[in-house]
PDB file of N, CA and C in Angstrom:
ATOM      1  N   UNK A   1      53.080 149.008 101.505  1.00  0.00           N
ATOM      2  CA  UNK A   1      52.968 148.088 100.376  1.00  0.00           C
ATOM      3  C   UNK A   1      53.245 148.823  99.078  1.00  0.00           C
ATOM      4  N   UNK A   2      53.831 148.085  98.134  1.00  0.00           N
ATOM      5  CA  UNK A   2      54.079 148.628  96.807  1.00  0.00           C
ATOM      6  C   UNK A   2      53.771 147.528  95.800  1.00  0.00           C
ATOM      7  N   UNK A   3      52.976 147.843  94.774  1.00  0.00           N
ATOM      8  CA  UNK A   3      52.607 146.860  93.754  1.00  0.00           C
ATOM      9  C   UNK A   3      52.819 147.457  92.377  1.00  0.00           C
ATOM     10  N   UNK A   4      53.432 146.637  91.498  1.00  0.00           N
ATOM     11  CA  UNK A   4      53.632 147.018  90.105  1.00  0.00           C
ATOM     12  C   UNK A   4      53.592 145.734  89.287  1.00  0.00           C
ATOM     13  N   UNK A   5      52.496 145.462  88.604  1.00  0.00           N
ATOM     14  CA  UNK A   5      52.349 144.209  87.865  1.00  0.00           C
ATOM     15  C   UNK A   5      52.357 143.034  88.817  1.00  0.00           C
ATOM     16  N   UNK A   6      53.257 142.047  88.570  1.00  0.00           N
ATOM     17  CA  UNK A   6      53.346 140.880  89.462  1.00  0.00           C
ATOM     18  C   UNK A   6      54.377 141.089  90.571  1.00  0.00           C
ATOM     19  N   UNK A   7      54.834 142.310  90.763  1.00  0.00           N
ATOM     20  CA  UNK A   7      55.829 142.673  91.777  1.00  0.00           C
ATOM     21  C   UNK A   7      55.090 143.263  92.971  1.00  0.00           C
ATOM     22  N   UNK A   8      55.098 142.564  94.103  1.00  0.00           N
ATOM     23  CA  UNK A   8      54.447 143.049  95.318  1.00  0.00           C
ATOM     24  C   UNK A   8      55.484 143.065  96.436  1.00  0.00           C
ATOM     25  N   UNK A   9      55.645 144.220  97.065  1.00  0.00           N
ATOM     26  CA  UNK A   9      56.644 144.371  98.119  1.00  0.00           C
ATOM     27  C   UNK A   9      56.000 144.951  99.364  1.00  0.00           C
ATOM     28  N   UNK A  10      56.324 144.351 100.507  1.00  0.00           N
ATOM     29  CA  UNK A  10      55.914 144.877 101.804  1.00  0.00           C
ATOM     30  C   UNK A  10      57.185 145.115 102.614  1.00  0.00           C
ATOM     31  N   UNK A  11      57.231 146.232 103.341  1.00  0.00           N
ATOM     32  CA  UNK A  11      58.388 146.543 104.185  1.00  0.00           C
ATOM     33  C   UNK A  11      57.996 147.611 105.188  1.00  0.00           C
ATOM     34  N   UNK A  12      58.763 147.699 106.277  1.00  0.00           N
ATOM     35  CA  UNK A  12      58.509 148.748 107.266  1.00  0.00           C
ATOM     36  C   UNK A  12      58.866 150.118 106.703  1.00  0.00           C
ATOM     37  N   UNK A  13      59.992 150.204 106.005  1.00  0.00           N
ATOM     38  CA  UNK A  13      60.433 151.468 105.399  1.00  0.00           C
ATOM     39  C   UNK A  13      60.551 151.281 103.894  1.00  0.00           C
ATOM     40  N   UNK A  14      59.808 152.069 103.144  1.00  0.00           N
ATOM     41  CA  UNK A  14      59.784 151.930 101.694  1.00  0.00           C
ATOM     42  C   UNK A  14      59.832 153.309 101.047  1.00  0.00           C
ATOM     43  N   UNK A  15      60.720 153.467 100.061  1.00  0.00           N
ATOM     44  CA  UNK A  15      60.818 154.728  99.317  1.00  0.00           C
ATOM     45  C   UNK A  15      60.788 154.412  97.825  1.00  0.00           C
ATOM     46  N   UNK A  16      59.977 155.164  97.077  1.00  0.00           N
ATOM     47  CA  UNK A  16      59.907 154.977  95.627  1.00  0.00           C
ATOM     48  C   UNK A  16      60.114 156.318  94.951  1.00  0.00           C
ATOM     49  N   UNK A  17      61.109 156.393  94.074  1.00  0.00           N
ATOM     50  CA  UNK A  17      61.373 157.585  93.291  1.00  0.00           C
ATOM     51  C   UNK A  17      60.667 157.394  91.953  1.00  0.00           C
ATOM     52  N   UNK A  18      59.533 158.057  91.793  1.00  0.00           N
ATOM     53  CA  UNK A  18      58.712 157.867  90.602  1.00  0.00           C
ATOM     54  C   UNK A  18      59.429 158.340  89.341  1.00  0.00           C
ATOM     55  N   UNK A  19      60.161 159.439  89.430  1.00  0.00           N
ATOM     56  CA  UNK A  19      60.872 159.978  88.274  1.00  0.00           C
ATOM     57  C   UNK A  19      61.947 158.999  87.780  1.00  0.00           C
ATOM     58  N   UNK A  20      62.695 158.418  88.714  1.00  0.00           N
ATOM     59  CA  UNK A  20      63.771 157.477  88.365  1.00  0.00           C
ATOM     60  C   UNK A  20      63.280 156.028  88.262  1.00  0.00           C
ATOM     61  N   UNK A  21      62.030 155.772  88.697  1.00  0.00           N
ATOM     62  CA  UNK A  21      61.456 154.423  88.738  1.00  0.00           C
ATOM     63  C   UNK A  21      62.348 153.489  89.559  1.00  0.00           C
ATOM     64  N   UNK A  22      62.754 153.979  90.735  1.00  0.00           N
ATOM     65  CA  UNK A  22      63.688 153.256  91.593  1.00  0.00           C
ATOM     66  C   UNK A  22      63.085 153.077  92.981  1.00  0.00           C
ATOM     67  N   UNK A  23      63.175 151.862  93.495  1.00  0.00           N
ATOM     68  CA  UNK A  23      62.568 151.490  94.767  1.00  0.00           C
ATOM     69  C   UNK A  23      63.649 151.082  95.762  1.00  0.00           C
ATOM     70  N   UNK A  24      63.517 151.552  96.996  1.00  0.00           N
ATOM     71  CA  UNK A  24      64.380 151.138  98.100  1.00  0.00           C
ATOM     72  C   UNK A  24      63.484 150.785  99.280  1.00  0.00           C
ATOM     73  N   UNK A  25      63.777 149.664  99.924  1.00  0.00           N
ATOM     74  CA  UNK A  25      62.999 149.266 101.096  1.00  0.00           C
ATOM     75  C   UNK A  25      63.916 148.529 102.058  1.00  0.00           C
ATOM     76  N   UNK A  26      63.585 148.631 103.352  1.00  0.00           N
ATOM     77  CA  UNK A  26      64.365 147.922 104.362  1.00  0.00           C
ATOM     78  C   UNK A  26      63.490 147.607 105.566  1.00  0.00           C
ATOM     79  N   UNK A  27      64.006 146.739 106.397  1.00  0.00           N
ATOM     80  CA  UNK A  27      63.337 146.283 107.619  1.00  0.00           C
ATOM     81  C   UNK A  27      62.138 145.391 107.311  1.00  0.00           C
ATOM     82  N   UNK A  28      62.361 144.110 107.506  1.00  0.00           N
ATOM     83  CA  UNK A  28      61.318 143.083 107.322  1.00  0.00           C
ATOM     84  C   UNK A  28      60.653 143.174 105.952  1.00  0.00           C
ATOM     85  N   UNK A  29      61.454 143.044 104.906  1.00  0.00           N
ATOM     86  CA  UNK A  29      60.865 143.085 103.569  1.00  0.00           C
ATOM     87  C   UNK A  29      60.304 141.717 103.197  1.00  0.00           C
ATOM     88  N   UNK A  30      59.249 141.742 102.418  1.00  0.00           N
ATOM     89  CA  UNK A  30      58.659 140.535 101.848  1.00  0.00           C
ATOM     90  C   UNK A  30      58.350 140.860 100.398  1.00  0.00           C
ATOM     91  N   UNK A  31      58.992 140.131  99.493  1.00  0.00           N
ATOM     92  CA  UNK A  31      58.853 140.363  98.063  1.00  0.00           C
ATOM     93  C   UNK A  31      58.171 139.169  97.427  1.00  0.00           C
ATOM     94  N   UNK A  32      57.098 139.426  96.683  1.00  0.00           N
ATOM     95  CA  UNK A  32      56.390 138.374  95.961  1.00  0.00           C
ATOM     96  C   UNK A  32      56.458 138.724  94.481  1.00  0.00           C
ATOM     97  N   UNK A  33      57.054 137.820  93.685  1.00  0.00           N
ATOM     98  CA  UNK A  33      57.161 138.015  92.239  1.00  0.00           C
ATOM     99  C   UNK A  33      56.906 136.680  91.549  1.00  0.00           C
ATOM    100  N   UNK A  34      57.084 136.662  90.234  1.00  0.00           N
ATOM    101  CA  UNK A  34      56.889 135.426  89.479  1.00  0.00           C
ATOM    102  C   UNK A  34      57.925 134.366  89.849  1.00  0.00           C
ATOM    103  N   UNK A  35      59.088 134.757  90.419  1.00  0.00           N
ATOM    104  CA  UNK A  35      60.092 133.764  90.797  1.00  0.00           C
ATOM    105  C   UNK A  35      60.004 133.372  92.263  1.00  0.00           C
ATOM    106  N   UNK A  36      58.911 133.707  92.943  1.00  0.00           N
ATOM    107  CA  UNK A  36      58.708 133.227  94.302  1.00  0.00           C
ATOM    108  C   UNK A  36      58.468 134.311  95.328  1.00  0.00           C
ATOM    109  N   UNK A  37      58.410 133.880  96.580  1.00  0.00           N
ATOM    110  CA  UNK A  37      58.229 134.772  97.720  1.00  0.00           C
ATOM    111  C   UNK A  37      59.527 134.776  98.517  1.00  0.00           C
ATOM    112  N   UNK A  38      60.045 135.975  98.765  1.00  0.00           N
ATOM    113  CA  UNK A  38      61.334 136.132  99.430  1.00  0.00           C
ATOM    114  C   UNK A  38      61.234 137.133 100.559  1.00  0.00           C
ATOM    115  N   UNK A  39      61.974 136.877 101.619  1.00  0.00           N
ATOM    116  CA  UNK A  39      62.105 137.816 102.729  1.00  0.00           C
ATOM    117  C   UNK A  39      63.562 138.234 102.787  1.00  0.00           C
ATOM    118  N   UNK A  40      63.823 139.395 103.379  1.00  0.00           N
ATOM    119  CA  UNK A  40      65.198 139.859 103.484  1.00  0.00           C
ATOM    120  C   UNK A  40      65.294 141.109 104.326  1.00  0.00           C
ATOM    121  N   UNK A  41      66.498 141.674 104.373  1.00  0.00           N
ATOM    122  CA  UNK A  41      66.738 142.865 105.180  1.00  0.00           C
ATOM    123  C   UNK A  41      66.539 144.148 104.390  1.00  0.00           C
ATOM    124  N   UNK A  42      66.963 144.135 103.119  1.00  0.00           N
ATOM    125  CA  UNK A  42      66.948 145.361 102.325  1.00  0.00           C
ATOM    126  C   UNK A  42      66.817 145.006 100.846  1.00  0.00           C
ATOM    127  N   UNK A  43      66.152 145.882 100.073  1.00  0.00           N
ATOM    128  CA  UNK A  43      66.053 145.690  98.628  1.00  0.00           C
ATOM    129  C   UNK A  43      66.201 147.034  97.928  1.00  0.00           C
ATOM    130  N   UNK A  44      66.867 146.998  96.793  1.00  0.00           N
ATOM    131  CA  UNK A  44      66.930 148.132  95.873  1.00  0.00           C
ATOM    132  C   UNK A  44      66.577 147.570  94.506  1.00  0.00           C
ATOM    133  N   UNK A  45      65.666 148.245  93.787  1.00  0.00           N
ATOM    134  CA  UNK A  45      65.193 147.698  92.510  1.00  0.00           C
ATOM    135  C   UNK A  45      64.852 148.824  91.540  1.00  0.00           C
ATOM    136  N   UNK A  46      65.301 148.658  90.288  1.00  0.00           N
ATOM    137  CA  UNK A  46      65.013 149.619  89.231  1.00  0.00           C
ATOM    138  C   UNK A  46      63.978 149.018  88.283  1.00  0.00           C
ATOM    139  N   UNK A  47      62.858 149.704  88.121  1.00  0.00           N
ATOM    140  CA  UNK A  47      61.842 149.240  87.181  1.00  0.00           C
ATOM    141  C   UNK A  47      62.195 149.618  85.748  1.00  0.00           C
ATOM    142  N   UNK A  48      63.163 150.508  85.560  1.00  0.00           N
ATOM    143  CA  UNK A  48      63.610 150.873  84.205  1.00  0.00           C
ATOM    144  C   UNK A  48      64.324 149.715  83.533  1.00  0.00           C
ATOM    145  N   UNK A  49      65.200 149.049  84.271  1.00  0.00           N
ATOM    146  CA  UNK A  49      65.943 147.941  83.664  1.00  0.00           C
ATOM    147  C   UNK A  49      65.629 146.580  84.297  1.00  0.00           C
ATOM    148  N   UNK A  50      64.641 146.544  85.188  1.00  0.00           N
ATOM    149  CA  UNK A  50      64.213 145.306  85.853  1.00  0.00           C
ATOM    150  C   UNK A  50      65.367 144.578  86.538  1.00  0.00           C
ATOM    151  N   UNK A  51      66.200 145.345  87.242  1.00  0.00           N
ATOM    152  CA  UNK A  51      67.321 144.768  87.979  1.00  0.00           C
ATOM    153  C   UNK A  51      67.318 145.299  89.403  1.00  0.00           C
ATOM    154  N   UNK A  52      67.809 144.468  90.310  1.00  0.00           N
ATOM    155  CA  UNK A  52      67.867 144.900  91.694  1.00  0.00           C
ATOM    156  C   UNK A  52      68.716 143.978  92.535  1.00  0.00           C
ATOM    157  N   UNK A  53      68.664 144.209  93.841  1.00  0.00           N
ATOM    158  CA  UNK A  53      69.472 143.438  94.774  1.00  0.00           C
ATOM    159  C   UNK A  53      68.741 143.321  96.110  1.00  0.00           C
ATOM    160  N   UNK A  54      68.790 142.135  96.701  1.00  0.00           N
ATOM    161  CA  UNK A  54      68.201 141.877  98.021  1.00  0.00           C
ATOM    162  C   UNK A  54      69.325 141.428  98.947  1.00  0.00           C
ATOM    163  N   UNK A  55      69.414 142.001 100.139  1.00  0.00           N
ATOM    164  CA  UNK A  55      70.404 141.528 101.111  1.00  0.00           C
ATOM    165  C   UNK A  55      69.742 140.535 102.065  1.00  0.00           C
ATOM    166  N   UNK A  56      70.482 139.480 102.381  1.00  0.00           N
ATOM    167  CA  UNK A  56      70.043 138.391 103.267  1.00  0.00           C
ATOM    168  C   UNK A  56      68.715 137.775 102.827  1.00  0.00           C
ATOM    169  N   UNK A  57      68.606 137.321 101.552  1.00  0.00           N
ATOM    170  CA  UNK A  57      67.342 136.741 101.083  1.00  0.00           C
ATOM    171  C   UNK A  57      67.079 135.352 101.669  1.00  0.00           C
ATOM    172  N   UNK A  58      65.798 135.066 101.917  1.00  0.00           N
ATOM    173  CA  UNK A  58      65.335 133.758 102.365  1.00  0.00           C
ATOM    174  C   UNK A  58      64.038 133.452 101.635  1.00  0.00           C
ATOM    175  N   UNK A  59      63.933 132.233 101.097  1.00  0.00           N
ATOM    176  CA  UNK A  59      62.718 131.871 100.383  1.00  0.00           C
ATOM    177  C   UNK A  59      62.600 130.367 100.235  1.00  0.00           C
ATOM    178  N   UNK A  60      61.565 129.935  99.535  1.00  0.00           N
ATOM    179  CA  UNK A  60      61.312 128.518  99.311  1.00  0.00           C
ATOM    180  C   UNK A  60      61.226 128.277  97.811  1.00  0.00           C
ATOM    181  N   UNK A  61      61.957 127.258  97.344  1.00  0.00           N
ATOM    182  CA  UNK A  61      61.898 126.835  95.948  1.00  0.00           C
ATOM    183  C   UNK A  61      61.425 125.390  95.971  1.00  0.00           C
ATOM    184  N   UNK A  62      60.201 125.151  95.510  1.00  0.00           N
ATOM    185  CA  UNK A  62      59.612 123.819  95.636  1.00  0.00           C
ATOM    186  C   UNK A  62      59.448 123.499  97.105  1.00  0.00           C
ATOM    187  N   UNK A  63      60.134 122.452  97.564  1.00  0.00           N
ATOM    188  CA  UNK A  63      60.105 122.084  98.986  1.00  0.00           C
ATOM    189  C   UNK A  63      61.421 122.420  99.683  1.00  0.00           C
ATOM    190  N   UNK A  64      62.277 123.179  99.014  1.00  0.00           N
ATOM    191  CA  UNK A  64      63.601 123.481  99.542  1.00  0.00           C
ATOM    192  C   UNK A  64      63.674 124.901 100.079  1.00  0.00           C
ATOM    193  N   UNK A  65      64.182 125.044 101.297  1.00  0.00           N
ATOM    194  CA  UNK A  65      64.406 126.361 101.895  1.00  0.00           C
ATOM    195  C   UNK A  65      65.749 126.873 101.391  1.00  0.00           C
ATOM    196  N   UNK A  66      65.763 128.098 100.883  1.00  0.00           N
ATOM    197  CA  UNK A  66      66.969 128.682 100.299  1.00  0.00           C
ATOM    198  C   UNK A  66      67.273 129.993 101.015  1.00  0.00           C
ATOM    199  N   UNK A  67      68.544 130.206 101.363  1.00  0.00           N
ATOM    200  CA  UNK A  67      68.951 131.482 101.955  1.00  0.00           C
ATOM    201  C   UNK A  67      70.333 131.836 101.422  1.00  0.00           C
ATOM    202  N   UNK A  68      70.623 133.129 101.425  1.00  0.00           N
ATOM    203  CA  UNK A  68      71.914 133.570 100.916  1.00  0.00           C
ATOM    204  C   UNK A  68      72.343 134.879 101.543  1.00  0.00           C
ATOM    205  N   UNK A  69      73.542 135.304 101.191  1.00  0.00           N
ATOM    206  CA  UNK A  69      74.057 136.576 101.684  1.00  0.00           C
ATOM    207  C   UNK A  69      73.471 137.730 100.886  1.00  0.00           C
ATOM    208  N   UNK A  70      73.350 137.511  99.563  1.00  0.00           N
ATOM    209  CA  UNK A  70      72.860 138.557  98.672  1.00  0.00           C
ATOM    210  C   UNK A  70      72.215 137.894  97.468  1.00  0.00           C
ATOM    211  N   UNK A  71      71.202 138.545  96.891  1.00  0.00           N
ATOM    212  CA  UNK A  71      70.582 138.060  95.659  1.00  0.00           C
ATOM    213  C   UNK A  71      70.512 139.204  94.662  1.00  0.00           C
ATOM    214  N   UNK A  72      70.852 138.894  93.422  1.00  0.00           N
ATOM    215  CA  UNK A  72      70.731 139.861  92.338  1.00  0.00           C
ATOM    216  C   UNK A  72      69.527 139.468  91.498  1.00  0.00           C
ATOM    217  N   UNK A  73      68.655 140.435  91.242  1.00  0.00           N
ATOM    218  CA  UNK A  73      67.471 140.202  90.420  1.00  0.00           C
ATOM    219  C   UNK A  73      67.771 140.744  89.033  1.00  0.00           C
ATOM    220  N   UNK A  74      67.569 139.910  88.017  1.00  0.00           N
ATOM    221  CA  UNK A  74      67.781 140.319  86.638  1.00  0.00           C
ATOM    222  C   UNK A  74      66.627 139.757  85.814  1.00  0.00           C
ATOM    223  N   UNK A  75      65.633 140.616  85.534  1.00  0.00           N
ATOM    224  CA  UNK A  75      64.420 140.194  84.822  1.00  0.00           C
ATOM    225  C   UNK A  75      63.739 139.082  85.616  1.00  0.00           C
ATOM    226  N   UNK A  76      63.656 137.876  85.051  1.00  0.00           N
ATOM    227  CA  UNK A  76      62.979 136.747  85.701  1.00  0.00           C
ATOM    228  C   UNK A  76      63.971 135.759  86.311  1.00  0.00           C
ATOM    229  N   UNK A  77      65.229 136.167  86.455  1.00  0.00           N
ATOM    230  CA  UNK A  77      66.268 135.289  86.993  1.00  0.00           C
ATOM    231  C   UNK A  77      66.768 135.873  88.312  1.00  0.00           C
ATOM    232  N   UNK A  78      67.015 134.995  89.276  1.00  0.00           N
ATOM    233  CA  UNK A  78      67.538 135.412  90.574  1.00  0.00           C
ATOM    234  C   UNK A  78      68.886 134.725  90.776  1.00  0.00           C
ATOM    235  N   UNK A  79      69.940 135.506  91.016  1.00  0.00           N
ATOM    236  CA  UNK A  79      71.272 134.984  91.302  1.00  0.00           C
ATOM    237  C   UNK A  79      71.528 135.163  92.791  1.00  0.00           C
ATOM    238  N   UNK A  80      71.844 134.069  93.488  1.00  0.00           N
ATOM    239  CA  UNK A  80      72.117 134.138  94.925  1.00  0.00           C
ATOM    240  C   UNK A  80      73.588 133.859  95.190  1.00  0.00           C
ATOM    241  N   UNK A  81      74.181 134.620  96.106  1.00  0.00           N
ATOM    242  CA  UNK A  81      75.582 134.445  96.494  1.00  0.00           C
ATOM    243  C   UNK A  81      75.667 133.864  97.896  1.00  0.00           C
ATOM    244  N   UNK A  82      76.675 132.992  98.112  1.00  0.00           N
ATOM    245  CA  UNK A  82      76.886 132.332  99.405  1.00  0.00           C
ATOM    246  C   UNK A  82      75.573 131.751  99.920  1.00  0.00           C
ATOM    247  N   UNK A  83      75.079 130.783  99.175  1.00  0.00           N
ATOM    248  CA  UNK A  83      73.742 130.227  99.369  1.00  0.00           C
ATOM    249  C   UNK A  83      73.773 128.903 100.121  1.00  0.00           C
ATOM    250  N   UNK A  84      72.731 128.644 100.901  1.00  0.00           N
ATOM    251  CA  UNK A  84      72.567 127.332 101.525  1.00  0.00           C
ATOM    252  C   UNK A  84      71.149 126.833 101.268  1.00  0.00           C
ATOM    253  N   UNK A  85      71.027 125.494 101.155  1.00  0.00           N
ATOM    254  CA  UNK A  85      69.756 124.828 100.884  1.00  0.00           C
ATOM    255  C   UNK A  85      69.501 123.796 101.963  1.00  0.00           C
ATOM    256  N   UNK A  86      68.255 123.613 102.302  1.00  0.00           N
ATOM    257  CA  UNK A  86      67.874 122.534 103.209  1.00  0.00           C
ATOM    258  C   UNK A  86      66.382 122.259 103.027  1.00  0.00           C
ATOM    259  N   UNK A  87      65.972 121.057 103.375  1.00  0.00           N
ATOM    260  CA  UNK A  87      64.543 120.737 103.374  1.00  0.00           C
ATOM    261  C   UNK A  87      64.012 120.734 104.802  1.00  0.00           C
ATOM    262  N   UNK A  88      64.909 121.019 105.752  1.00  0.00           N
ATOM    263  CA  UNK A  88      64.594 120.960 107.172  1.00  0.00           C
ATOM    264  C   UNK A  88      64.502 122.377 107.740  1.00  0.00           C
ATOM    265  N   UNK A  89      63.414 122.702 108.415  1.00  0.00           N
ATOM    266  CA  UNK A  89      63.184 124.055 108.931  1.00  0.00           C
ATOM    267  C   UNK A  89      63.605 124.205 110.402  1.00  0.00           C
ATOM    268  N   UNK A  90      64.517 123.369 110.859  1.00  0.00           N
ATOM    269  CA  UNK A  90      64.982 123.451 112.244  1.00  0.00           C
ATOM    270  C   UNK A  90      66.066 124.513 112.379  1.00  0.00           C
ATOM    271  N   UNK A  91      66.301 124.992 113.604  1.00  0.00           N
ATOM    272  CA  UNK A  91      67.357 125.985 113.851  1.00  0.00           C
ATOM    273  C   UNK A  91      68.714 125.441 113.406  1.00  0.00           C
ATOM    274  N   UNK A  92      68.965 124.160 113.669  1.00  0.00           N
ATOM    275  CA  UNK A  92      70.150 123.473 113.160  1.00  0.00           C
ATOM    276  C   UNK A  92      69.653 122.365 112.239  1.00  0.00           C
ATOM    277  N   UNK A  93      69.659 122.601 110.919  1.00  0.00           N
ATOM    278  CA  UNK A  93      69.101 121.617 109.983  1.00  0.00           C
ATOM    279  C   UNK A  93      69.879 120.300 109.982  1.00  0.00           C
ATOM    280  N   UNK A  94      69.177 119.194 109.707  1.00  0.00           N
ATOM    281  CA  UNK A  94      69.826 117.885 109.648  1.00  0.00           C
ATOM    282  C   UNK A  94      70.832 117.828 108.495  1.00  0.00           C
ATOM    283  N   UNK A  95      70.460 118.380 107.348  1.00  0.00           N
ATOM    284  CA  UNK A  95      71.348 118.429 106.180  1.00  0.00           C
ATOM    285  C   UNK A  95      71.276 119.829 105.593  1.00  0.00           C
ATOM    286  N   UNK A  96      72.462 120.386 105.276  1.00  0.00           N
ATOM    287  CA  UNK A  96      72.512 121.707 104.652  1.00  0.00           C
ATOM    288  C   UNK A  96      73.551 121.657 103.536  1.00  0.00           C
ATOM    289  N   UNK A  97      73.181 122.115 102.350  1.00  0.00           N
ATOM    290  CA  UNK A  97      74.093 122.164 101.208  1.00  0.00           C
ATOM    291  C   UNK A  97      74.441 123.623 100.966  1.00  0.00           C
ATOM    292  N   UNK A  98      75.733 123.903 100.740  1.00  0.00           N
ATOM    293  CA  UNK A  98      76.171 125.277 100.499  1.00  0.00           C
ATOM    294  C   UNK A  98      76.757 125.398  99.098  1.00  0.00           C
ATOM    295  N   UNK A  99      76.543 126.567  98.482  1.00  0.00           N
ATOM    296  CA  UNK A  99      77.110 126.870  97.166  1.00  0.00           C
ATOM    297  C   UNK A  99      77.465 128.350  97.128  1.00  0.00           C
ATOM    298  N   UNK A 100      78.544 128.686  96.440  1.00  0.00           N
ATOM    299  CA  UNK A 100      78.961 130.092  96.404  1.00  0.00           C
ATOM    300  C   UNK A 100      78.073 130.930  95.494  1.00  0.00           C
ATOM    301  N   UNK A 101      77.577 130.353  94.388  1.00  0.00           N
ATOM    302  CA  UNK A 101      76.712 131.115  93.480  1.00  0.00           C
ATOM    303  C   UNK A 101      75.661 130.172  92.911  1.00  0.00           C
ATOM    304  N   UNK A 102      74.411 130.611  92.955  1.00  0.00           N
ATOM    305  CA  UNK A 102      73.282 129.811  92.490  1.00  0.00           C
ATOM    306  C   UNK A 102      72.395 130.674  91.617  1.00  0.00           C
ATOM    307  N   UNK A 103      71.806 130.054  90.610  1.00  0.00           N
ATOM    308  CA  UNK A 103      70.889 130.760  89.718  1.00  0.00           C
ATOM    309  C   UNK A 103      69.517 130.097  89.817  1.00  0.00           C
ATOM    310  N   UNK A 104      68.464 130.906  90.005  1.00  0.00           N
ATOM    311  CA  UNK A 104      67.095 130.389  90.021  1.00  0.00           C
ATOM    312  C   UNK A 104      66.396 130.853  88.753  1.00  0.00           C
ATOM    313  N   UNK A 105      65.950 129.891  87.953  1.00  0.00           N
ATOM    314  CA  UNK A 105      65.238 130.191  86.715  1.00  0.00           C
ATOM    315  C   UNK A 105      63.975 129.348  86.709  1.00  0.00           C
ATOM    316  N   UNK A 106      62.834 129.992  86.517  1.00  0.00           N
ATOM    317  CA  UNK A 106      61.538 129.295  86.468  1.00  0.00           C
ATOM    318  C   UNK A 106      61.371 128.345  87.647  1.00  0.00           C
ATOM    319  N   UNK A 107      61.683 128.839  88.844  1.00  0.00           N
ATOM    320  CA  UNK A 107      61.539 128.098  90.101  1.00  0.00           C
ATOM    321  C   UNK A 107      62.395 126.835  90.154  1.00  0.00           C
ATOM    322  N   UNK A 108      63.505 126.812  89.397  1.00  0.00           N
ATOM    323  CA  UNK A 108      64.462 125.704  89.443  1.00  0.00           C
ATOM    324  C   UNK A 108      65.825 126.243  89.851  1.00  0.00           C
ATOM    325  N   UNK A 109      66.543 125.449  90.617  1.00  0.00           N
ATOM    326  CA  UNK A 109      67.859 125.842  91.111  1.00  0.00           C
ATOM    327  C   UNK A 109      68.931 125.310  90.167  1.00  0.00           C
ATOM    328  N   UNK A 110      69.852 126.198  89.756  1.00  0.00           N
ATOM    329  CA  UNK A 110      71.010 125.797  88.949  1.00  0.00           C
ATOM    330  C   UNK A 110      72.256 126.225  89.704  1.00  0.00           C
ATOM    331  N   UNK A 111      73.125 125.245  90.016  1.00  0.00           N
ATOM    332  CA  UNK A 111      74.352 125.542  90.760  1.00  0.00           C
ATOM    333  C   UNK A 111      75.502 125.675  89.787  1.00  0.00           C
TER     334      UNK A 111
END
């Protein structure tokens, strides 16, 4: 586990460079921040400039399940690439919406 303010990260493998204020984690990551709870494969994050990247992010925004190929973290904004949305948690969802780039601000989706 790693905690810094409202940033809480859990992962099987986690490395933090205190001098550079840089975090790397992989394998079953779970990130909890002010913009939501996200799971993914890998994260790299700099506390110096509050920017980072998550590979294969999955999370919930309101009642909508959101997943993407990659997410860029920039302060309190999350940019997702090759994103899909659904309200259905089935292996094959009844309806799925796809977008190439999505922005999440204050728990709202902007396409």
